C-alpha cells in the first residue's frame, strides 16, 4: 500500500466504488442494523513531497454545529479529527484521518476504515438524529 493506485485496486476489489477519479475514491461502508456510511479516500502531498492518504466520512451540515464541541472532540481523539469540507456545494462536517503510506498495509487500512465508519455513523446520529442521511 505504498501509493494511491494500490489502495484503489485493493478497495475496488472489496467495495463497489461510487466515485473513482484520479485522486479520489469513495464507497459506502455497510454497518450493523442496515446502516451505511460514505467513506472518501484522497491523496495529499505535503510541501516536502511526502504523500499521505486522507480518509474521511461526512457527518452532517456544518450549520448550527458548536465549534467548541468540535475542538473538544479533536483534542480527545486518538484517531480522526473533525474538519469542514464542501459536499455538493454546502459546508459539511467531516471526520478525517491522514496517514503516510509508509505505515499502511491492508490490515491497517481496513482497521482505519472500520473505525472511521463506526465513529462517523455515531456522530452522524448525534448531529442528524437517527437518520442515516450520509
Protein backbone atom coordinates (compact mmCIF):
# COMPACT_ATOMS: atom_id res chain seq x y z
CA UNK A 1 0.00 0.00 0.00
CA UNK A 2 2.71 2.47 -0.97
CA UNK A 3 0.60 4.58 -3.38
CA UNK A 4 -2.96 5.58 -4.19
CA UNK A 5 -3.33 3.16 -7.11
CA UNK A 6 -2.62 0.22 -4.79
CA UNK A 7 -5.33 1.49 -2.42
CA UNK A 8 -7.77 1.93 -5.34
CA UNK A 9 -7.07 -1.58 -6.66
CA UNK A 10 -7.41 -3.17 -3.22
CA UNK A 11 -10.62 -1.38 -2.20
CA UNK A 12 -12.15 -1.71 -5.67
CA UNK A 13 -11.94 -5.48 -5.22
CA UNK A 14 -13.82 -5.27 -1.91
CA UNK A 15 -16.32 -2.42 -2.32
CA UNK A 16 -18.38 -1.01 -5.17
CA UNK A 17 -16.75 2.38 -5.77
CA UNK A 18 -19.23 5.25 -6.05
CA UNK A 19 -16.57 7.73 -7.08
CA UNK A 20 -13.47 6.62 -8.94
CA UNK A 21 -11.39 9.56 -10.13
CA UNK A 22 -7.60 10.06 -10.36
CA UNK A 23 -7.07 11.21 -6.76
CA UNK A 24 -10.34 10.36 -5.03
CA UNK A 25 -12.41 7.24 -4.50
CA UNK A 26 -15.49 6.67 -2.37
CA UNK A 27 -17.76 3.83 -1.35
CA UNK A 28 -20.49 3.01 1.14
CA UNK A 29 -19.36 1.07 4.20
CA UNK A 30 -22.00 -1.37 5.43
CA UNK A 31 -22.61 -1.10 9.19
CA UNK A 32 -24.72 -3.09 11.67
CA UNK A 33 -28.51 -2.66 11.68
CA UNK A 34 -28.59 -1.96 7.94
CA UNK A 35 -26.85 1.39 8.27
CA UNK A 36 -24.13 2.61 5.96
CA UNK A 37 -21.53 5.36 5.96
CA UNK A 38 -19.89 7.06 2.97
CA UNK A 39 -16.09 6.73 3.02
CA UNK A 40 -13.87 9.00 0.90
CA UNK A 41 -10.17 8.46 0.24
CA UNK A 42 -7.90 11.04 -1.37
CA UNK A 43 -4.19 11.54 -1.83
CA UNK A 44 -2.45 14.56 -0.34
CA UNK A 45 1.10 15.81 -0.70
CA UNK A 46 2.95 18.00 1.81
CA UNK A 47 5.44 20.74 0.99
CA UNK A 48 8.31 18.22 1.13
CA UNK A 49 6.64 15.96 -1.44
CA UNK A 50 5.65 13.25 1.06
CA UNK A 51 2.32 11.68 0.09
CA UNK A 52 -0.48 10.90 2.52
CA UNK A 53 -3.77 9.07 2.32
CA UNK A 54 -6.73 11.03 3.71
CA UNK A 55 -9.74 9.02 4.80
CA UNK A 56 -12.91 10.95 5.57
CA UNK A 57 -16.61 10.48 6.14
CA UNK A 58 -19.33 13.18 6.16
CA UNK A 59 -21.10 13.72 9.47
CA UNK A 60 -23.69 16.40 8.72
CA UNK A 61 -24.22 20.03 7.75
CA UNK A 62 -21.86 22.45 9.44
CA UNK A 63 -24.61 24.99 10.11
CA UNK A 64 -25.57 25.05 13.77
CA UNK A 65 -22.60 22.98 14.96
CA UNK A 66 -20.81 24.35 18.03
CA UNK A 67 -17.14 24.92 17.13
CA UNK A 68 -16.07 24.47 20.78
CA UNK A 69 -17.56 20.97 20.85
CA UNK A 70 -15.71 20.14 17.63
CA UNK A 71 -12.41 21.37 19.05
CA UNK A 72 -13.00 19.44 22.28
CA UNK A 73 -13.72 16.31 20.22
CA UNK A 74 -10.48 16.80 18.25
CA UNK A 75 -8.49 17.22 21.45
CA UNK A 76 -9.84 13.98 22.95
CA UNK A 77 -9.47 11.74 19.88
CA UNK A 78 -6.66 9.33 19.17
CA UNK A 79 -7.94 8.58 15.66
CA UNK A 80 -9.72 11.09 13.49
CA UNK A 81 -10.42 14.78 13.68
CA UNK A 82 -13.31 16.98 12.65
CA UNK A 83 -12.92 19.32 9.70
CA UNK A 84 -15.08 21.29 7.29
CA UNK A 85 -15.31 20.24 3.65
CA UNK A 86 -17.65 21.01 0.80
CA UNK A 87 -20.27 18.38 -0.05
CA UNK A 88 -22.49 19.09 -3.04
CA UNK A 89 -21.87 22.83 -2.67
CA UNK A 90 -22.62 23.02 1.07
CA UNK A 91 -20.24 23.15 4.05
CA UNK A 92 -20.25 19.80 5.86
CA UNK A 93 -18.59 18.50 8.95
CA UNK A 94 -16.30 15.55 8.16
CA UNK A 95 -14.43 13.08 10.31
CA UNK A 96 -10.94 12.72 8.80
CA UNK A 97 -7.67 10.89 9.27
CA UNK A 98 -4.38 11.41 7.37
CA UNK A 99 -1.82 8.63 7.19
CA UNK A 100 1.54 8.38 5.41
CA UNK A 101 1.70 5.45 3.02
CA UNK A 102 4.82 4.15 4.77
CA UNK A 103 2.73 2.76 7.62
CA UNK A 104 -0.26 1.44 5.67
CA UNK A 105 -0.91 -2.18 4.91
CA UNK A 106 -4.19 -3.96 4.13
CA UNK A 107 -4.88 -4.69 7.80
CA UNK A 108 -4.27 -1.11 8.98
CA UNK A 109 -6.33 0.31 6.10
CA UNK A 110 -9.25 -1.97 6.97
CA UNK A 111 -8.97 -1.02 10.66
CA UNK A 112 -8.98 2.71 9.86
CA UNK A 113 -11.98 2.39 7.53
CA UNK A 114 -13.97 0.40 10.08
CA UNK A 115 -13.10 2.76 12.94
CA UNK A 116 -13.77 5.94 10.95
CA UNK A 117 -17.03 4.50 9.62
CA UNK A 118 -18.30 3.46 13.05
CA UNK A 119 -17.36 6.74 14.77
CA UNK A 120 -18.69 8.71 11.80
CA UNK A 121 -22.03 6.91 11.98
CA UNK A 122 -22.30 7.57 15.73
CA UNK A 123 -21.53 11.26 15.20
CA UNK A 124 -24.00 11.44 12.31
CA UNK A 125 -26.73 10.09 14.59
CA UNK A 126 -25.89 12.76 17.19
CA UNK A 127 -25.91 15.57 14.61
CA UNK A 128 -28.86 14.35 12.49
CA UNK A 129 -30.87 12.26 14.93
CA UNK A 130 -31.29 8.64 13.93
CA UNK A 131 -31.46 9.41 10.21
CA UNK A 132 -28.90 7.64 8.01
CA UNK A 133 -28.61 10.62 5.68
CA UNK A 134 -25.00 10.19 4.59
